[in-house]
Structure formats: structure tokens, C-alpha cells
């Protein structure tokens, strides 16, 4: 009888450990505690929601950023498999899937780390934000990734 109780208790403990170790819901953005959480790229406190970005790794680890451009720079420098990417729509502040967003790259746009990148839920929103401005580009997620990787490679070539 004593053996059965011990085995049952061990089973319950094991079940609890497995339940606690389950990965995060990668279909929702990682939680960011504004004013507390630190950017994985630059180490500064994340405070401006409209420019914050995040992603989940396939292992369920969250990566958080104070600037959308910082997320792309981090991805280029630290390739790892991601489960989902998230950015805020500049007009609504809502989280949107980064892969579905359109990005406006504008050197006059003041963002936390100076990347000058804003995300929009639709291409029409992005085009409206960019309309009439010189040297402003509207890009897809794939284009942002390839541009970030090219910049990272150029920096590597010049530093070594």
C-alpha cells in the first residue's frame, strides 16, 4: 500500500512538472511589461508600445524588442527558427503578425533606437503613411528580412 501511494505521488509530481514545462502559446504575442522588460537587441527598457516587436522561438522562448528595426537586426545577427513574429500596427497599436504587416522605412520617423521603421496592417495604410515623402520605402516582411541580412553581412565584411 505504501509503495502504491509513493508511486501515485511521484506520478502526480511528474505530471505537474510536464504541465508547467509546456511551451507558450505562439499564436499570441509574447507579453511585454512596458517600462520593465529589456530589449533583446540593445538591452534598453521597452517603453513605447507602438514601436515594440517580439517573436517566439520554436522552443517557446520569447524575444522582445523596443524597436521594430531592432528585431530585424537581431534576426539577421542571430539566426534561429521562430514560431511567430509580432509587431504593433502604428495606427491602432494592435498586435499583428509581422509576416502579414507592411513596413514603412522613413529616416525622419523617430523610433526608440532610430531605425525609423513602422508597421502597418495593410499595404494601403503603409502607402498612405509614406505618401509624398522622399526616400521612404514600403516593404514586406520578406523584404525587411533580406535587407536586414544584407546590412548585417556588409557590417561583417567591414569589421573583419
N, C-alpha and C. Protein backbone atom coordinates (compact mmCIF):
# COMPACT_ATOMS: atom_id res chain seq x y z
N UNK A 1 0.82 -1.19 0.00
CA UNK A 1 0.00 0.00 0.00
C UNK A 1 0.87 1.27 0.00
N UNK A 2 1.92 1.25 0.83
CA UNK A 2 2.81 2.39 0.92
C UNK A 2 3.50 2.64 -0.42
N UNK A 3 3.88 1.56 -1.08
CA UNK A 3 4.53 1.66 -2.39
C UNK A 3 3.59 2.30 -3.41
N UNK A 4 2.32 1.93 -3.38
CA UNK A 4 1.33 2.47 -4.32
C UNK A 4 1.16 3.97 -4.09
N UNK A 5 1.13 4.43 -2.86
CA UNK A 5 0.98 5.85 -2.54
C UNK A 5 2.19 6.63 -3.04
N UNK A 6 3.38 6.08 -2.82
CA UNK A 6 4.60 6.75 -3.28
C UNK A 6 4.62 6.86 -4.80
N UNK A 7 4.26 5.78 -5.49
CA UNK A 7 4.22 5.80 -6.96
C UNK A 7 3.18 6.79 -7.46
N UNK A 8 2.04 6.85 -6.80
CA UNK A 8 0.99 7.79 -7.20
C UNK A 8 1.47 9.23 -7.02
N UNK A 9 2.10 9.51 -5.88
CA UNK A 9 2.62 10.86 -5.64
C UNK A 9 3.70 11.23 -6.65
N UNK A 10 4.58 10.31 -6.96
CA UNK A 10 5.61 10.57 -7.98
C UNK A 10 4.97 10.84 -9.34
N UNK A 11 3.93 10.10 -9.66
CA UNK A 11 3.22 10.31 -10.92
C UNK A 11 2.58 11.69 -10.98
N UNK A 12 1.98 12.12 -9.88
CA UNK A 12 1.37 13.45 -9.83
C UNK A 12 2.43 14.54 -9.97
N UNK A 13 3.55 14.39 -9.28
CA UNK A 13 4.63 15.37 -9.38
C UNK A 13 5.16 15.43 -10.81
N UNK A 14 5.36 14.28 -11.42
CA UNK A 14 5.83 14.24 -12.81
C UNK A 14 4.84 14.91 -13.74
N UNK A 15 3.57 14.65 -13.55
CA UNK A 15 2.53 15.26 -14.37
C UNK A 15 2.54 16.79 -14.22
N UNK A 16 2.70 17.26 -13.01
CA UNK A 16 2.77 18.71 -12.76
C UNK A 16 3.99 19.33 -13.42
N UNK A 17 5.11 18.66 -13.36
CA UNK A 17 6.33 19.17 -14.00
C UNK A 17 6.16 19.26 -15.50
N UNK A 18 5.55 18.25 -16.10
CA UNK A 18 5.32 18.26 -17.54
C UNK A 18 4.36 19.38 -17.91
N UNK A 19 3.30 19.56 -17.12
CA UNK A 19 2.32 20.61 -17.40
C UNK A 19 2.95 22.00 -17.30
N UNK A 20 3.81 22.21 -16.33
CA UNK A 20 4.47 23.51 -16.15
C UNK A 20 5.49 23.78 -17.26
N UNK A 21 6.04 22.75 -17.83
CA UNK A 21 7.07 22.91 -18.83
C UNK A 21 6.55 23.05 -20.25
N UNK A 22 5.22 23.07 -20.42
CA UNK A 22 4.68 23.19 -21.77
C UNK A 22 5.04 24.55 -22.35
N UNK A 23 5.21 24.56 -23.67
CA UNK A 23 5.63 25.80 -24.31
C UNK A 23 4.49 26.81 -24.36
N UNK A 24 4.86 28.04 -24.62
CA UNK A 24 3.92 29.15 -24.65
C UNK A 24 3.02 29.06 -25.87
N UNK A 25 1.93 29.80 -25.84
CA UNK A 25 1.01 29.87 -26.98
C UNK A 25 1.62 30.81 -28.01
N UNK A 26 2.21 30.23 -29.04
CA UNK A 26 2.89 31.03 -30.05
C UNK A 26 1.92 31.69 -31.03
N UNK A 27 0.62 31.45 -30.86
CA UNK A 27 -0.39 32.10 -31.69
C UNK A 27 -0.82 33.44 -31.11
N UNK A 28 -0.22 33.81 -29.99
CA UNK A 28 -0.45 35.12 -29.40
C UNK A 28 0.91 35.76 -29.17
N UNK A 29 0.97 37.09 -29.17
CA UNK A 29 2.28 37.73 -28.97
C UNK A 29 2.81 37.52 -27.57
N UNK A 30 4.12 37.48 -27.42
CA UNK A 30 4.70 37.42 -26.08
C UNK A 30 4.29 38.67 -25.29
N UNK A 31 4.06 38.48 -24.01
CA UNK A 31 3.71 39.63 -23.18
C UNK A 31 4.94 40.51 -22.98
N UNK A 32 4.73 41.81 -23.09
CA UNK A 32 5.79 42.77 -22.81
C UNK A 32 5.33 43.63 -21.64
N UNK A 33 6.15 43.69 -20.63
CA UNK A 33 5.88 44.56 -19.47
C UNK A 33 6.57 45.89 -19.75
N UNK A 34 5.81 46.84 -20.31
CA UNK A 34 6.37 48.13 -20.69
C UNK A 34 6.91 48.85 -19.46
N UNK A 35 8.10 49.41 -19.63
CA UNK A 35 8.76 50.07 -18.51
C UNK A 35 9.56 49.12 -17.64
N UNK A 36 9.50 47.81 -17.93
CA UNK A 36 10.22 46.81 -17.14
C UNK A 36 11.06 45.87 -18.00
N UNK A 37 10.45 45.30 -19.05
CA UNK A 37 11.18 44.34 -19.88
C UNK A 37 12.29 45.03 -20.66
N UNK A 38 13.32 44.26 -20.94
CA UNK A 38 14.51 44.77 -21.62
C UNK A 38 14.57 44.21 -23.04
N UNK A 39 14.99 45.05 -23.97
CA UNK A 39 15.12 44.67 -25.37
C UNK A 39 16.25 43.65 -25.54
N UNK A 40 15.97 42.58 -26.28
CA UNK A 40 16.98 41.56 -26.53
C UNK A 40 18.10 42.05 -27.45
N UNK A 41 17.86 43.09 -28.22
CA UNK A 41 18.87 43.61 -29.14
C UNK A 41 19.80 44.61 -28.45
N UNK A 42 19.23 45.59 -27.78
CA UNK A 42 20.06 46.69 -27.26
C UNK A 42 20.19 46.72 -25.74
N UNK A 43 19.36 45.96 -25.04
CA UNK A 43 19.43 45.92 -23.59
C UNK A 43 18.74 47.07 -22.88
N UNK A 44 18.03 47.91 -23.63
CA UNK A 44 17.34 49.04 -23.01
C UNK A 44 15.91 48.63 -22.64
N UNK A 45 15.31 49.38 -21.73
CA UNK A 45 13.94 49.09 -21.29
C UNK A 45 12.96 49.41 -22.42
N UNK A 46 12.01 48.53 -22.63
CA UNK A 46 10.99 48.71 -23.67
C UNK A 46 9.88 49.59 -23.10
N UNK A 47 9.65 50.75 -23.76
CA UNK A 47 8.66 51.67 -23.20
C UNK A 47 7.62 52.15 -24.20
N UNK A 48 7.92 52.16 -25.49
CA UNK A 48 6.96 52.66 -26.48
C UNK A 48 6.27 51.50 -27.19
N UNK A 49 5.02 51.28 -26.82
CA UNK A 49 4.26 50.15 -27.34
C UNK A 49 4.16 50.15 -28.87
N UNK A 50 3.93 51.30 -29.48
CA UNK A 50 3.68 51.34 -30.92
C UNK A 50 4.89 50.91 -31.75
N UNK A 51 6.08 50.93 -31.17
CA UNK A 51 7.27 50.50 -31.90
C UNK A 51 7.83 49.16 -31.42
N UNK A 52 7.22 48.60 -30.39
CA UNK A 52 7.70 47.33 -29.83
C UNK A 52 7.41 46.18 -30.79
N UNK A 53 8.25 45.16 -30.72
CA UNK A 53 8.10 43.96 -31.54
C UNK A 53 8.55 42.77 -30.70
N UNK A 54 8.15 41.58 -31.15
CA UNK A 54 8.52 40.38 -30.39
C UNK A 54 8.37 39.16 -31.29
N UNK A 55 9.00 38.07 -30.86
CA UNK A 55 8.73 36.80 -31.52
C UNK A 55 8.95 35.65 -30.56
N UNK A 56 8.36 34.52 -30.93
CA UNK A 56 8.53 33.26 -30.20
C UNK A 56 9.48 32.38 -30.96
N UNK A 57 10.42 31.75 -30.29
CA UNK A 57 11.23 30.71 -30.92
C UNK A 57 10.40 29.43 -30.93
N UNK A 58 10.83 28.45 -31.71
CA UNK A 58 10.12 27.18 -31.73
C UNK A 58 10.23 26.45 -30.39
N UNK A 59 11.18 26.84 -29.57
CA UNK A 59 11.34 26.25 -28.23
C UNK A 59 10.47 26.95 -27.19
N UNK A 60 9.68 27.95 -27.63
CA UNK A 60 8.79 28.65 -26.71
C UNK A 60 9.45 29.78 -25.94
N UNK A 61 10.63 30.22 -26.39
CA UNK A 61 11.30 31.35 -25.75
C UNK A 61 10.86 32.64 -26.43
N UNK A 62 10.60 33.68 -25.64
CA UNK A 62 10.20 34.97 -26.18
C UNK A 62 11.41 35.86 -26.40
N UNK A 63 11.39 36.58 -27.50
CA UNK A 63 12.38 37.62 -27.78
C UNK A 63 11.58 38.93 -27.88
N UNK A 64 12.03 39.96 -27.17
CA UNK A 64 11.30 41.23 -27.11
C UNK A 64 12.21 42.38 -27.53
N UNK A 65 11.61 43.37 -28.21
CA UNK A 65 12.39 44.47 -28.77
C UNK A 65 11.69 45.81 -28.58
N UNK A 66 12.49 46.86 -28.37
CA UNK A 66 11.92 48.20 -28.21
C UNK A 66 11.73 48.91 -29.54
N UNK A 67 12.25 48.35 -30.62
CA UNK A 67 12.19 48.97 -31.94
C UNK A 67 12.06 47.85 -32.97
N UNK A 68 11.15 48.02 -33.91
CA UNK A 68 10.94 47.01 -34.95
C UNK A 68 12.24 46.74 -35.70
N UNK A 69 12.97 47.79 -36.00
CA UNK A 69 14.26 47.62 -36.67
C UNK A 69 15.24 46.81 -35.84
N UNK A 70 15.15 46.94 -34.53
CA UNK A 70 15.99 46.15 -33.64
C UNK A 70 15.70 44.67 -33.76
N UNK A 71 14.41 44.33 -33.94
CA UNK A 71 14.06 42.93 -34.12
C UNK A 71 14.69 42.39 -35.40
N UNK A 72 14.58 43.14 -36.48
CA UNK A 72 15.16 42.67 -37.74
C UNK A 72 16.69 42.58 -37.66
N UNK A 73 17.32 43.51 -36.97
CA UNK A 73 18.78 43.45 -36.79
C UNK A 73 19.16 42.22 -35.97
N UNK A 74 18.38 41.92 -34.94
CA UNK A 74 18.65 40.76 -34.09
C UNK A 74 18.49 39.47 -34.89
N UNK A 75 17.44 39.39 -35.69
CA UNK A 75 17.19 38.20 -36.52
C UNK A 75 18.36 37.97 -37.47
N UNK A 76 18.85 39.05 -38.09
CA UNK A 76 19.95 38.94 -39.04
C UNK A 76 21.23 38.46 -38.36
N UNK A 77 21.47 38.94 -37.16
CA UNK A 77 22.71 38.61 -36.45
C UNK A 77 22.63 37.30 -35.66
N UNK A 78 21.42 36.87 -35.35
CA UNK A 78 21.21 35.67 -34.51
C UNK A 78 20.18 34.75 -35.14
N UNK A 79 20.51 34.11 -36.25
CA UNK A 79 19.50 33.28 -36.91
C UNK A 79 19.05 32.13 -36.01
N UNK A 80 17.75 32.02 -35.84
CA UNK A 80 17.17 30.92 -35.10
C UNK A 80 15.76 30.70 -35.63
N UNK A 81 15.27 29.50 -35.49
CA UNK A 81 13.94 29.20 -36.01
C UNK A 81 12.89 29.82 -35.11
N UNK A 82 11.98 30.56 -35.72
CA UNK A 82 10.92 31.23 -34.97
C UNK A 82 9.58 30.57 -35.25
N UNK A 83 8.72 30.60 -34.24
CA UNK A 83 7.36 30.07 -34.38
C UNK A 83 6.42 31.16 -34.88
N UNK A 84 6.58 32.39 -34.42
CA UNK A 84 5.74 33.50 -34.87
C UNK A 84 6.42 34.82 -34.53
N UNK A 85 6.18 35.80 -35.40
CA UNK A 85 6.72 37.15 -35.22
C UNK A 85 5.55 38.11 -35.02
N UNK A 86 5.75 39.16 -34.20
CA UNK A 86 4.69 40.10 -33.88
C UNK A 86 5.20 41.54 -33.88
N UNK A 87 4.37 42.45 -34.40
CA UNK A 87 4.65 43.89 -34.36
C UNK A 87 3.35 44.62 -34.04
N UNK A 88 3.46 45.89 -33.70
CA UNK A 88 2.28 46.72 -33.46
C UNK A 88 1.95 47.53 -34.70
N UNK A 89 0.67 47.58 -35.03
CA UNK A 89 0.19 48.46 -36.10
C UNK A 89 0.36 49.89 -35.59
N UNK A 90 1.06 50.72 -36.36
CA UNK A 90 1.35 52.10 -35.94
C UNK A 90 0.09 52.93 -35.77
N UNK A 91 -0.98 52.61 -36.51
CA UNK A 91 -2.19 53.43 -36.43
C UNK A 91 -3.13 53.01 -35.30
N UNK A 92 -3.22 51.71 -35.01
CA UNK A 92 -4.16 51.24 -33.99
C UNK A 92 -3.48 50.82 -32.70
N UNK A 93 -2.20 50.48 -32.78
CA UNK A 93 -1.48 49.96 -31.61
C UNK A 93 -1.72 48.49 -31.36
N UNK A 94 -2.56 47.86 -32.19
CA UNK A 94 -2.86 46.43 -32.03
C UNK A 94 -1.67 45.58 -32.47
N UNK A 95 -1.51 44.43 -31.79
CA UNK A 95 -0.53 43.44 -32.24
C UNK A 95 -1.01 42.85 -33.56
N UNK A 96 -0.10 42.67 -34.49
CA UNK A 96 -0.39 41.99 -35.75
C UNK A 96 0.77 41.05 -36.05
N UNK A 97 0.48 40.01 -36.83
CA UNK A 97 1.54 39.10 -37.25
C UNK A 97 2.50 39.85 -38.15
N UNK A 98 3.76 39.79 -37.80
CA UNK A 98 4.77 40.54 -38.55
C UNK A 98 4.86 40.09 -40.01
N UNK A 99 4.62 38.81 -40.24
CA UNK A 99 4.70 38.28 -41.60
C UNK A 99 3.61 38.85 -42.50
N UNK A 100 2.53 39.36 -41.92
CA UNK A 100 1.41 39.90 -42.68
C UNK A 100 1.44 41.43 -42.76
N UNK A 101 2.34 42.06 -42.03
CA UNK A 101 2.41 43.52 -41.97
C UNK A 101 3.17 44.09 -43.16
N UNK A 102 2.98 45.38 -43.37
CA UNK A 102 3.76 46.14 -44.35
C UNK A 102 4.55 47.18 -43.56
N UNK A 103 5.77 47.40 -43.97
CA UNK A 103 6.70 48.23 -43.20
C UNK A 103 7.04 49.50 -43.96
N UNK A 104 7.04 50.60 -43.23
CA UNK A 104 7.44 51.88 -43.79
C UNK A 104 8.80 52.22 -43.19
N UNK A 105 9.77 52.39 -44.06
CA UNK A 105 11.12 52.76 -43.63
C UNK A 105 11.31 54.24 -43.96
N UNK A 106 11.40 55.06 -42.91
CA UNK A 106 11.45 56.51 -43.05
C UNK A 106 12.48 57.06 -42.07
N UNK A 107 13.58 57.57 -42.59
CA UNK A 107 14.65 58.06 -41.71
C UNK A 107 14.20 59.24 -40.84
N UNK A 108 13.11 59.91 -41.21
CA UNK A 108 12.59 61.01 -40.40
C UNK A 108 11.66 60.54 -39.28
N UNK A 109 11.28 59.28 -39.29
CA UNK A 109 10.40 58.73 -38.25
C UNK A 109 11.22 58.46 -37.00
N UNK A 110 10.83 59.06 -35.90
CA UNK A 110 11.56 58.91 -34.64
C UNK A 110 11.10 57.64 -33.92
N UNK A 111 11.97 56.64 -33.90
CA UNK A 111 11.69 55.39 -33.19
C UNK A 111 12.72 55.25 -32.07
N UNK A 112 12.46 54.39 -31.09
CA UNK A 112 13.33 54.32 -29.91
C UNK A 112 14.83 54.18 -30.21
N UNK A 113 15.20 53.38 -31.18
CA UNK A 113 16.62 53.19 -31.47
C UNK A 113 17.04 53.79 -32.81
N UNK A 114 16.15 54.59 -33.40
CA UNK A 114 16.50 55.33 -34.61
C UNK A 114 16.45 54.54 -35.91
N UNK A 115 15.82 53.38 -35.90
CA UNK A 115 15.72 52.61 -37.14
C UNK A 115 14.73 53.23 -38.12
N UNK A 116 13.74 53.97 -37.62
CA UNK A 116 12.78 54.64 -38.49
C UNK A 116 11.84 53.69 -39.21
N UNK A 117 11.43 52.63 -38.55
CA UNK A 117 10.56 51.64 -39.18
C UNK A 117 9.25 51.55 -38.41
N UNK A 118 8.14 51.62 -39.16
CA UNK A 118 6.81 51.46 -38.59
C UNK A 118 6.10 50.33 -39.32
N UNK A 119 5.21 49.64 -38.62
CA UNK A 119 4.45 48.54 -39.21
C UNK A 119 3.00 48.97 -39.41
N UNK A 120 2.41 48.50 -40.49
CA UNK A 120 1.01 48.77 -40.80
C UNK A 120 0.32 47.45 -41.12
N UNK A 121 -0.96 47.37 -40.78
CA UNK A 121 -1.72 46.14 -41.01
C UNK A 121 -2.01 45.91 -42.48
N UNK A 122 -2.12 46.99 -43.26
CA UNK A 122 -2.42 46.83 -44.68
C UNK A 122 -1.42 47.61 -45.53
N UNK A 123 -1.33 47.20 -46.77
CA UNK A 123 -0.44 47.91 -47.70
C UNK A 123 -0.95 49.33 -47.95
N UNK A 124 -2.29 49.49 -48.00
CA UNK A 124 -2.86 50.83 -48.20
C UNK A 124 -2.46 51.78 -47.07
N UNK A 125 -2.49 51.30 -45.83
CA UNK A 125 -2.07 52.12 -44.69
C UNK A 125 -0.60 52.52 -44.84
N UNK A 126 0.22 51.56 -45.22
CA UNK A 126 1.65 51.83 -45.37
C UNK A 126 1.90 52.85 -46.48
N UNK A 127 1.20 52.69 -47.60
CA UNK A 127 1.36 53.63 -48.72
C UNK A 127 0.90 55.03 -48.31
N UNK A 128 -0.18 55.11 -47.53
CA UNK A 128 -0.67 56.41 -47.07
C UNK A 128 0.34 57.07 -46.13
N UNK A 129 0.96 56.29 -45.28
CA UNK A 129 1.97 56.82 -44.35
C UNK A 129 3.20 57.32 -45.11
N UNK A 130 3.51 56.66 -46.21
CA UNK A 130 4.70 57.01 -46.99
C UNK A 130 4.42 58.07 -48.05
N UNK A 131 3.16 58.32 -48.35
CA UNK A 131 2.77 59.18 -49.47
C UNK A 131 3.42 60.56 -49.42
N UNK A 132 4.01 60.93 -50.53
CA UNK A 132 4.57 62.27 -50.69
C UNK A 132 5.91 62.50 -50.03
N UNK A 133 6.46 61.49 -49.41
CA UNK A 133 7.75 61.65 -48.73
C UNK A 133 8.86 61.11 -49.61
N UNK A 134 9.99 61.80 -49.60
CA UNK A 134 11.14 61.34 -50.37
C UNK A 134 11.92 60.30 -49.58
N UNK A 135 12.50 59.37 -50.30
CA UNK A 135 13.37 58.33 -49.72
C UNK A 135 12.68 57.50 -48.64
N UNK A 136 11.38 57.28 -48.80
CA UNK A 136 10.62 56.44 -47.88
C UNK A 136 10.21 55.20 -48.65
N UNK A 137 10.42 54.04 -48.03
CA UNK A 137 10.12 52.78 -48.71
C UNK A 137 9.04 52.03 -47.96
N UNK A 138 8.20 51.31 -48.72
CA UNK A 138 7.22 50.38 -48.15
C UNK A 138 7.71 48.99 -48.51
N UNK A 139 7.84 48.12 -47.49
CA UNK A 139 8.39 46.79 -47.72
C UNK A 139 7.57 45.72 -47.01
N UNK A 140 7.65 44.52 -47.56
CA UNK A 140 7.04 43.34 -46.94
C UNK A 140 7.98 42.79 -45.87
N UNK A 141 7.50 41.83 -45.11
CA UNK A 141 8.31 41.16 -44.09
C UNK A 141 9.53 40.50 -44.74
N UNK A 142 9.31 39.79 -45.85
CA UNK A 142 10.41 39.10 -46.54
C UNK A 142 11.47 40.10 -47.00
N UNK A 143 11.05 41.24 -47.52
CA UNK A 143 11.99 42.26 -47.98
C UNK A 143 12.76 42.86 -46.79
N UNK A 144 12.07 43.06 -45.67
CA UNK A 144 12.74 43.56 -44.47
C UNK A 144 13.81 42.58 -44.01
N UNK A 145 13.47 41.29 -44.01
CA UNK A 145 14.44 40.27 -43.60
C UNK A 145 15.67 40.28 -44.50
N UNK A 146 15.44 40.30 -45.82
CA UNK A 146 16.58 40.25 -46.74
C UNK A 146 17.41 41.53 -46.64
N UNK A 147 16.77 42.68 -46.45
CA UNK A 147 17.51 43.94 -46.29
C UNK A 147 18.34 43.92 -45.01
N UNK A 148 17.77 43.40 -43.94
CA UNK A 148 18.49 43.33 -42.65
C UNK A 148 19.68 42.39 -42.75
N UNK A 149 19.50 41.27 -43.41
CA UNK A 149 20.60 40.31 -43.56
C UNK A 149 21.71 40.89 -44.42
N UNK A 150 21.33 41.62 -45.47
CA UNK A 150 22.34 42.25 -46.33
C UNK A 150 23.14 43.29 -45.55
N UNK A 151 22.45 44.10 -44.73
CA UNK A 151 23.14 45.10 -43.90
C UNK A 151 24.07 44.43 -42.90
N UNK A 152 23.62 43.34 -42.29
CA UNK A 152 24.45 42.62 -41.32
C UNK A 152 25.70 42.05 -41.99
N UNK A 153 25.54 41.52 -43.20
CA UNK A 153 26.69 40.96 -43.93
C UNK A 153 27.68 42.07 -44.30
N UNK A 154 27.16 43.23 -44.71
CA UNK A 154 28.04 44.34 -45.05
C UNK A 154 28.83 44.80 -43.82
N UNK A 155 28.17 44.85 -42.66
CA UNK A 155 28.87 45.24 -41.44
C UNK A 155 29.94 44.22 -41.09
N UNK A 156 29.64 42.93 -41.27
CA UNK A 156 30.64 41.88 -41.01
C UNK A 156 31.84 42.01 -41.93
N UNK A 157 31.58 42.31 -43.22
CA UNK A 157 32.66 42.46 -44.19
C UNK A 157 33.58 43.63 -43.83
N UNK A 158 33.01 44.71 -43.31
CA UNK A 158 33.81 45.89 -43.00
C UNK A 158 34.49 45.82 -41.64
N UNK A 159 34.03 44.92 -40.78
CA UNK A 159 34.64 44.85 -39.45
C UNK A 159 35.75 43.82 -39.37
N UNK A 160 35.89 43.00 -40.36
CA UNK A 160 36.91 41.98 -40.23
C UNK A 160 37.82 41.97 -41.35
